[in-house]
């Protein structure tokens, strides 16, 4: 992989990780908090406070990763613009022997990453 391909792949991986991290915070952690809040004992209340702190920490890590993705976006966007990567002619990145993904700029100049696919 050349530098541009590595950057595009890092963007894809980071974006996928962010989607999963957001899901964990919004669903798994929030649902766990709802369950913990049902215990109205002193120990239950302390557990809730500790868990809220864990959620805040997870949010902080998420925010840091979003900033990282924005930084990568700022580096990758001019590359995609320069090579005119669009929906009809995307920048194709090889990630394994026969596995690829496409990355391009949509009509609103936002970066779009395809799902990985296999070429036979």
N, C-alpha and C. Protein backbone atom coordinates (compact mmCIF):
# COMPACT_ATOMS: atom_id res chain seq x y z
N UNK A 1 0.84 -1.19 0.00
CA UNK A 1 0.00 0.00 0.00
C UNK A 1 0.88 1.25 0.00
N UNK A 2 0.51 2.19 -0.84
CA UNK A 2 1.23 3.46 -0.81
C UNK A 2 0.64 4.35 0.29
N UNK A 3 1.22 5.54 0.43
CA UNK A 3 0.81 6.45 1.51
C UNK A 3 -0.67 6.81 1.45
N UNK A 4 -1.16 7.11 0.26
CA UNK A 4 -2.56 7.50 0.09
C UNK A 4 -3.50 6.35 0.43
N UNK A 5 -3.13 5.14 0.01
CA UNK A 5 -3.95 3.97 0.31
C UNK A 5 -3.97 3.67 1.80
N UNK A 6 -2.82 3.82 2.45
CA UNK A 6 -2.76 3.61 3.90
C UNK A 6 -3.64 4.62 4.63
N UNK A 7 -3.60 5.87 4.18
CA UNK A 7 -4.42 6.91 4.79
C UNK A 7 -5.91 6.60 4.60
N UNK A 8 -6.28 6.20 3.40
CA UNK A 8 -7.68 5.85 3.12
C UNK A 8 -8.12 4.66 3.97
N UNK A 9 -7.25 3.67 4.10
CA UNK A 9 -7.59 2.49 4.90
C UNK A 9 -7.70 2.87 6.38
N UNK A 10 -6.83 3.74 6.85
CA UNK A 10 -6.89 4.18 8.24
C UNK A 10 -8.18 4.96 8.50
N UNK A 11 -8.58 5.76 7.52
CA UNK A 11 -9.85 6.49 7.62
C UNK A 11 -11.00 5.50 7.75
N UNK A 12 -11.02 4.49 6.88
CA UNK A 12 -12.08 3.47 6.90
C UNK A 12 -12.13 2.75 8.24
N UNK A 13 -10.97 2.31 8.72
CA UNK A 13 -10.92 1.59 10.00
C UNK A 13 -11.38 2.47 11.16
N UNK A 14 -10.92 3.71 11.18
CA UNK A 14 -11.29 4.63 12.25
C UNK A 14 -12.79 4.90 12.23
N UNK A 15 -13.34 5.10 11.05
CA UNK A 15 -14.78 5.37 10.94
C UNK A 15 -15.59 4.16 11.42
N UNK A 16 -15.17 2.96 11.05
CA UNK A 16 -15.86 1.74 11.50
C UNK A 16 -15.79 1.61 13.02
N UNK A 17 -14.62 1.89 13.59
CA UNK A 17 -14.46 1.82 15.04
C UNK A 17 -15.36 2.84 15.74
N UNK A 18 -15.46 4.03 15.17
CA UNK A 18 -16.32 5.06 15.76
C UNK A 18 -17.79 4.65 15.74
N UNK A 19 -18.22 4.06 14.66
CA UNK A 19 -19.61 3.60 14.58
C UNK A 19 -19.88 2.57 15.66
N UNK A 20 -18.97 1.63 15.84
CA UNK A 20 -19.14 0.61 16.87
C UNK A 20 -19.08 1.21 18.27
N UNK A 21 -18.15 2.13 18.48
CA UNK A 21 -18.03 2.77 19.79
C UNK A 21 -19.29 3.57 20.14
N UNK A 22 -19.85 4.26 19.15
CA UNK A 22 -21.07 5.02 19.38
C UNK A 22 -22.22 4.08 19.75
N UNK A 23 -22.30 2.93 19.06
CA UNK A 23 -23.34 1.95 19.35
C UNK A 23 -23.21 1.44 20.78
N UNK A 24 -21.99 1.16 21.20
CA UNK A 24 -21.76 0.67 22.56
C UNK A 24 -22.21 1.70 23.58
N UNK A 25 -21.84 2.96 23.37
CA UNK A 25 -22.21 4.02 24.32
C UNK A 25 -23.72 4.23 24.34
N UNK A 26 -24.31 4.37 23.16
CA UNK A 26 -25.73 4.71 23.07
C UNK A 26 -26.68 3.58 23.43
N UNK A 27 -26.27 2.37 23.20
CA UNK A 27 -27.19 1.26 23.46
C UNK A 27 -26.73 0.39 24.63
N UNK A 28 -25.58 -0.22 24.50
CA UNK A 28 -25.13 -1.14 25.54
C UNK A 28 -24.96 -0.45 26.89
N UNK A 29 -24.22 0.65 26.89
CA UNK A 29 -23.94 1.32 28.16
C UNK A 29 -25.19 1.99 28.72
N UNK A 30 -25.98 2.61 27.87
CA UNK A 30 -27.20 3.28 28.34
C UNK A 30 -28.19 2.26 28.90
N UNK A 31 -28.32 1.12 28.22
CA UNK A 31 -29.23 0.08 28.72
C UNK A 31 -28.74 -0.48 30.05
N UNK A 32 -27.44 -0.66 30.17
CA UNK A 32 -26.87 -1.14 31.44
C UNK A 32 -27.15 -0.13 32.55
N UNK A 33 -27.01 1.16 32.24
CA UNK A 33 -27.27 2.21 33.22
C UNK A 33 -28.73 2.15 33.69
N UNK A 34 -29.65 1.97 32.77
CA UNK A 34 -31.07 1.87 33.12
C UNK A 34 -31.29 0.72 34.10
N UNK A 35 -30.64 -0.40 33.84
CA UNK A 35 -30.76 -1.55 34.74
C UNK A 35 -30.16 -1.25 36.11
N UNK A 36 -29.00 -0.61 36.12
CA UNK A 36 -28.34 -0.28 37.40
C UNK A 36 -29.17 0.70 38.22
N UNK A 37 -29.84 1.63 37.56
CA UNK A 37 -30.63 2.64 38.27
C UNK A 37 -31.85 2.06 38.97
N UNK A 38 -32.20 0.85 38.67
CA UNK A 38 -33.33 0.19 39.34
C UNK A 38 -32.99 -0.18 40.78
N UNK A 39 -31.70 -0.34 41.07
CA UNK A 39 -31.26 -0.67 42.43
C UNK A 39 -31.13 0.62 43.22
N UNK A 40 -32.06 0.87 44.12
CA UNK A 40 -32.11 2.13 44.87
C UNK A 40 -31.35 2.06 46.20
N UNK A 41 -30.59 1.00 46.42
CA UNK A 41 -29.81 0.90 47.65
C UNK A 41 -28.61 1.83 47.57
N UNK A 42 -27.96 2.03 48.70
CA UNK A 42 -26.75 2.87 48.72
C UNK A 42 -25.69 2.29 47.79
N UNK A 43 -25.48 0.99 47.87
CA UNK A 43 -24.51 0.35 46.98
C UNK A 43 -24.93 0.51 45.52
N UNK A 44 -26.21 0.38 45.26
CA UNK A 44 -26.72 0.56 43.90
C UNK A 44 -26.47 1.97 43.39
N UNK A 45 -26.69 2.97 44.25
CA UNK A 45 -26.45 4.37 43.87
C UNK A 45 -24.97 4.62 43.60
N UNK A 46 -24.10 4.02 44.41
CA UNK A 46 -22.66 4.17 44.18
C UNK A 46 -22.24 3.51 42.87
N UNK A 47 -22.84 2.37 42.58
CA UNK A 47 -22.55 1.68 41.32
C UNK A 47 -22.98 2.54 40.13
N UNK A 48 -24.13 3.18 40.25
CA UNK A 48 -24.62 4.07 39.18
C UNK A 48 -23.64 5.23 38.97
N UNK A 49 -23.18 5.84 40.05
CA UNK A 49 -22.23 6.95 39.93
C UNK A 49 -20.95 6.51 39.22
N UNK A 50 -20.45 5.34 39.61
CA UNK A 50 -19.23 4.83 38.99
C UNK A 50 -19.46 4.55 37.50
N UNK A 51 -20.60 3.96 37.20
CA UNK A 51 -20.90 3.63 35.80
C UNK A 51 -21.10 4.88 34.95
N UNK A 52 -21.71 5.92 35.52
CA UNK A 52 -21.84 7.19 34.80
C UNK A 52 -20.46 7.76 34.47
N UNK A 53 -19.52 7.59 35.38
CA UNK A 53 -18.15 8.02 35.15
C UNK A 53 -17.53 7.23 33.99
N UNK A 54 -17.81 5.94 33.94
CA UNK A 54 -17.32 5.11 32.83
C UNK A 54 -17.90 5.58 31.50
N UNK A 55 -19.17 5.95 31.51
CA UNK A 55 -19.81 6.46 30.29
C UNK A 55 -19.14 7.77 29.86
N UNK A 56 -18.88 8.65 30.82
CA UNK A 56 -18.21 9.92 30.50
C UNK A 56 -16.82 9.66 29.91
N UNK A 57 -16.11 8.70 30.46
CA UNK A 57 -14.78 8.35 29.93
C UNK A 57 -14.90 7.82 28.50
N UNK A 58 -15.89 6.97 28.27
CA UNK A 58 -16.10 6.44 26.93
C UNK A 58 -16.45 7.56 25.95
N UNK A 59 -17.25 8.53 26.40
CA UNK A 59 -17.59 9.69 25.56
C UNK A 59 -16.34 10.51 25.23
N UNK A 60 -15.46 10.69 26.21
CA UNK A 60 -14.23 11.45 25.99
C UNK A 60 -13.34 10.76 24.96
N UNK A 61 -13.22 9.45 25.07
CA UNK A 61 -12.43 8.69 24.10
C UNK A 61 -13.06 8.81 22.71
N UNK A 62 -14.37 8.72 22.66
CA UNK A 62 -15.09 8.87 21.39
C UNK A 62 -14.81 10.24 20.78
N UNK A 63 -14.91 11.28 21.58
CA UNK A 63 -14.65 12.64 21.08
C UNK A 63 -13.23 12.79 20.55
N UNK A 64 -12.27 12.17 21.22
CA UNK A 64 -10.88 12.21 20.75
C UNK A 64 -10.75 11.52 19.39
N UNK A 65 -11.43 10.39 19.24
CA UNK A 65 -11.38 9.66 17.97
C UNK A 65 -12.07 10.44 16.86
N UNK A 66 -13.15 11.16 17.18
CA UNK A 66 -13.82 12.00 16.19
C UNK A 66 -12.86 13.09 15.70
N UNK A 67 -12.12 13.68 16.62
CA UNK A 67 -11.13 14.70 16.25
C UNK A 67 -10.06 14.10 15.34
N UNK A 68 -9.65 12.88 15.66
CA UNK A 68 -8.66 12.19 14.84
C UNK A 68 -9.22 11.95 13.44
N UNK A 69 -10.48 11.53 13.35
CA UNK A 69 -11.10 11.29 12.05
C UNK A 69 -11.17 12.59 11.24
N UNK A 70 -11.48 13.70 11.89
CA UNK A 70 -11.52 14.99 11.20
C UNK A 70 -10.14 15.35 10.65
N UNK A 71 -9.11 15.06 11.42
CA UNK A 71 -7.74 15.33 10.97
C UNK A 71 -7.41 14.49 9.74
N UNK A 72 -7.76 13.21 9.78
CA UNK A 72 -7.53 12.32 8.64
C UNK A 72 -8.33 12.82 7.44
N UNK A 73 -9.57 13.22 7.67
CA UNK A 73 -10.43 13.75 6.62
C UNK A 73 -9.76 14.95 5.94
N UNK A 74 -9.18 15.83 6.74
CA UNK A 74 -8.53 17.02 6.19
C UNK A 74 -7.33 16.67 5.31
N UNK A 75 -6.67 15.56 5.60
CA UNK A 75 -5.55 15.11 4.76
C UNK A 75 -6.02 14.35 3.53
N UNK A 76 -7.07 13.56 3.70
CA UNK A 76 -7.54 12.69 2.63
C UNK A 76 -8.37 13.43 1.58
N UNK A 77 -9.13 14.40 2.00
CA UNK A 77 -10.03 15.13 1.09
C UNK A 77 -9.30 15.70 -0.13
N UNK A 78 -8.17 16.42 0.05
CA UNK A 78 -7.47 16.95 -1.12
C UNK A 78 -6.94 15.86 -2.06
N UNK A 79 -6.58 14.72 -1.51
CA UNK A 79 -6.11 13.61 -2.34
C UNK A 79 -7.24 13.11 -3.23
N UNK A 80 -8.41 12.92 -2.63
CA UNK A 80 -9.56 12.45 -3.40
C UNK A 80 -10.01 13.49 -4.43
N UNK A 81 -9.88 14.76 -4.08
CA UNK A 81 -10.21 15.83 -5.01
C UNK A 81 -9.25 15.81 -6.19
N UNK A 82 -7.97 15.67 -5.90
CA UNK A 82 -6.93 15.69 -6.93
C UNK A 82 -7.10 14.56 -7.94
N UNK A 83 -7.48 13.38 -7.47
CA UNK A 83 -7.63 12.24 -8.39
C UNK A 83 -9.06 12.12 -8.93
N UNK A 84 -9.90 13.10 -8.60
CA UNK A 84 -11.29 13.13 -9.06
C UNK A 84 -12.05 11.85 -8.69
N UNK A 85 -11.86 11.39 -7.48
CA UNK A 85 -12.56 10.19 -7.02
C UNK A 85 -14.02 10.53 -6.74
N UNK A 86 -14.89 9.93 -7.52
CA UNK A 86 -16.33 10.14 -7.32
C UNK A 86 -17.04 8.79 -7.39
N UNK A 87 -18.34 8.82 -7.30
CA UNK A 87 -19.13 7.58 -7.28
C UNK A 87 -18.88 6.72 -8.52
N UNK A 88 -18.72 7.35 -9.66
CA UNK A 88 -18.52 6.62 -10.92
C UNK A 88 -17.08 6.15 -11.12
N UNK A 89 -16.15 6.80 -10.46
CA UNK A 89 -14.73 6.45 -10.59
C UNK A 89 -14.06 6.58 -9.22
N UNK A 90 -14.36 5.67 -8.30
CA UNK A 90 -13.82 5.77 -6.94
C UNK A 90 -12.35 5.37 -6.86
N UNK A 91 -11.74 5.74 -5.77
CA UNK A 91 -10.37 5.32 -5.45
C UNK A 91 -10.50 3.93 -4.84
N UNK A 92 -10.01 2.92 -5.56
CA UNK A 92 -10.14 1.53 -5.11
C UNK A 92 -8.91 1.14 -4.30
N UNK A 93 -9.14 0.62 -3.11
CA UNK A 93 -8.05 0.26 -2.20
C UNK A 93 -8.08 -1.25 -1.98
N UNK A 94 -6.94 -1.88 -2.22
CA UNK A 94 -6.81 -3.32 -1.96
C UNK A 94 -6.42 -3.51 -0.50
N UNK A 95 -7.21 -4.33 0.24
CA UNK A 95 -6.92 -4.53 1.65
C UNK A 95 -6.46 -5.95 1.96
N UNK A 96 -6.76 -6.87 1.08
CA UNK A 96 -6.29 -8.25 1.20
C UNK A 96 -6.10 -8.78 -0.20
N UNK A 97 -5.77 -10.06 -0.31
CA UNK A 97 -5.48 -10.64 -1.62
C UNK A 97 -6.51 -10.29 -2.67
N UNK A 98 -7.79 -10.51 -2.37
CA UNK A 98 -8.84 -10.19 -3.33
C UNK A 98 -9.90 -9.28 -2.74
N UNK A 99 -9.61 -8.66 -1.62
CA UNK A 99 -10.58 -7.78 -0.96
C UNK A 99 -10.23 -6.32 -1.19
N UNK A 100 -11.25 -5.55 -1.47
CA UNK A 100 -11.09 -4.14 -1.78
C UNK A 100 -12.18 -3.32 -1.10
N UNK A 101 -11.98 -2.01 -1.08
CA UNK A 101 -13.06 -1.08 -0.75
C UNK A 101 -12.85 0.16 -1.59
N UNK A 102 -13.92 0.89 -1.81
CA UNK A 102 -13.86 2.13 -2.59
C UNK A 102 -14.04 3.31 -1.66
N UNK A 103 -13.40 4.40 -2.01
CA UNK A 103 -13.56 5.64 -1.27
C UNK A 103 -13.63 6.77 -2.29
N UNK A 104 -14.53 7.72 -2.04
CA UNK A 104 -14.71 8.80 -3.00
C UNK A 104 -15.44 9.96 -2.33
N UNK A 105 -15.55 11.05 -3.08
CA UNK A 105 -16.30 12.22 -2.62
C UNK A 105 -17.68 12.20 -3.27
N UNK A 106 -18.72 12.39 -2.45
CA UNK A 106 -20.08 12.42 -3.00
C UNK A 106 -20.36 13.81 -3.59
N UNK A 107 -21.59 14.02 -4.01
CA UNK A 107 -21.97 15.29 -4.63
C UNK A 107 -21.84 16.47 -3.68
N UNK A 108 -21.86 16.22 -2.38
CA UNK A 108 -21.71 17.27 -1.37
C UNK A 108 -20.28 17.38 -0.86
N UNK A 109 -19.36 16.72 -1.55
CA UNK A 109 -17.93 16.73 -1.22
C UNK A 109 -17.63 16.09 0.13
N UNK A 110 -18.47 15.14 0.53
CA UNK A 110 -18.24 14.37 1.75
C UNK A 110 -17.59 13.04 1.36
N UNK A 111 -16.70 12.55 2.23
CA UNK A 111 -16.04 11.29 1.95
C UNK A 111 -17.01 10.13 2.20
N UNK A 112 -17.07 9.24 1.23
CA UNK A 112 -17.91 8.04 1.32
C UNK A 112 -17.00 6.82 1.20
N UNK A 113 -17.22 5.86 2.09
CA UNK A 113 -16.44 4.62 2.08
C UNK A 113 -17.39 3.46 1.84
N UNK A 114 -17.07 2.63 0.87
CA UNK A 114 -17.92 1.47 0.59
C UNK A 114 -17.61 0.35 1.57
N UNK A 115 -18.49 -0.62 1.60
CA UNK A 115 -18.21 -1.86 2.32
C UNK A 115 -17.10 -2.59 1.56
N UNK A 116 -16.36 -3.43 2.25
CA UNK A 116 -15.35 -4.23 1.58
C UNK A 116 -16.03 -5.22 0.65
N UNK A 117 -15.37 -5.51 -0.47
CA UNK A 117 -15.91 -6.48 -1.43
C UNK A 117 -14.77 -7.34 -1.96
N UNK A 118 -15.14 -8.44 -2.58
CA UNK A 118 -14.16 -9.39 -3.10
C UNK A 118 -14.25 -9.44 -4.62
N UNK A 119 -13.08 -9.46 -5.25
CA UNK A 119 -13.02 -9.64 -6.70
C UNK A 119 -12.55 -11.06 -6.97
N UNK A 120 -13.23 -11.73 -7.86
CA UNK A 120 -12.85 -13.11 -8.20
C UNK A 120 -11.82 -13.14 -9.29
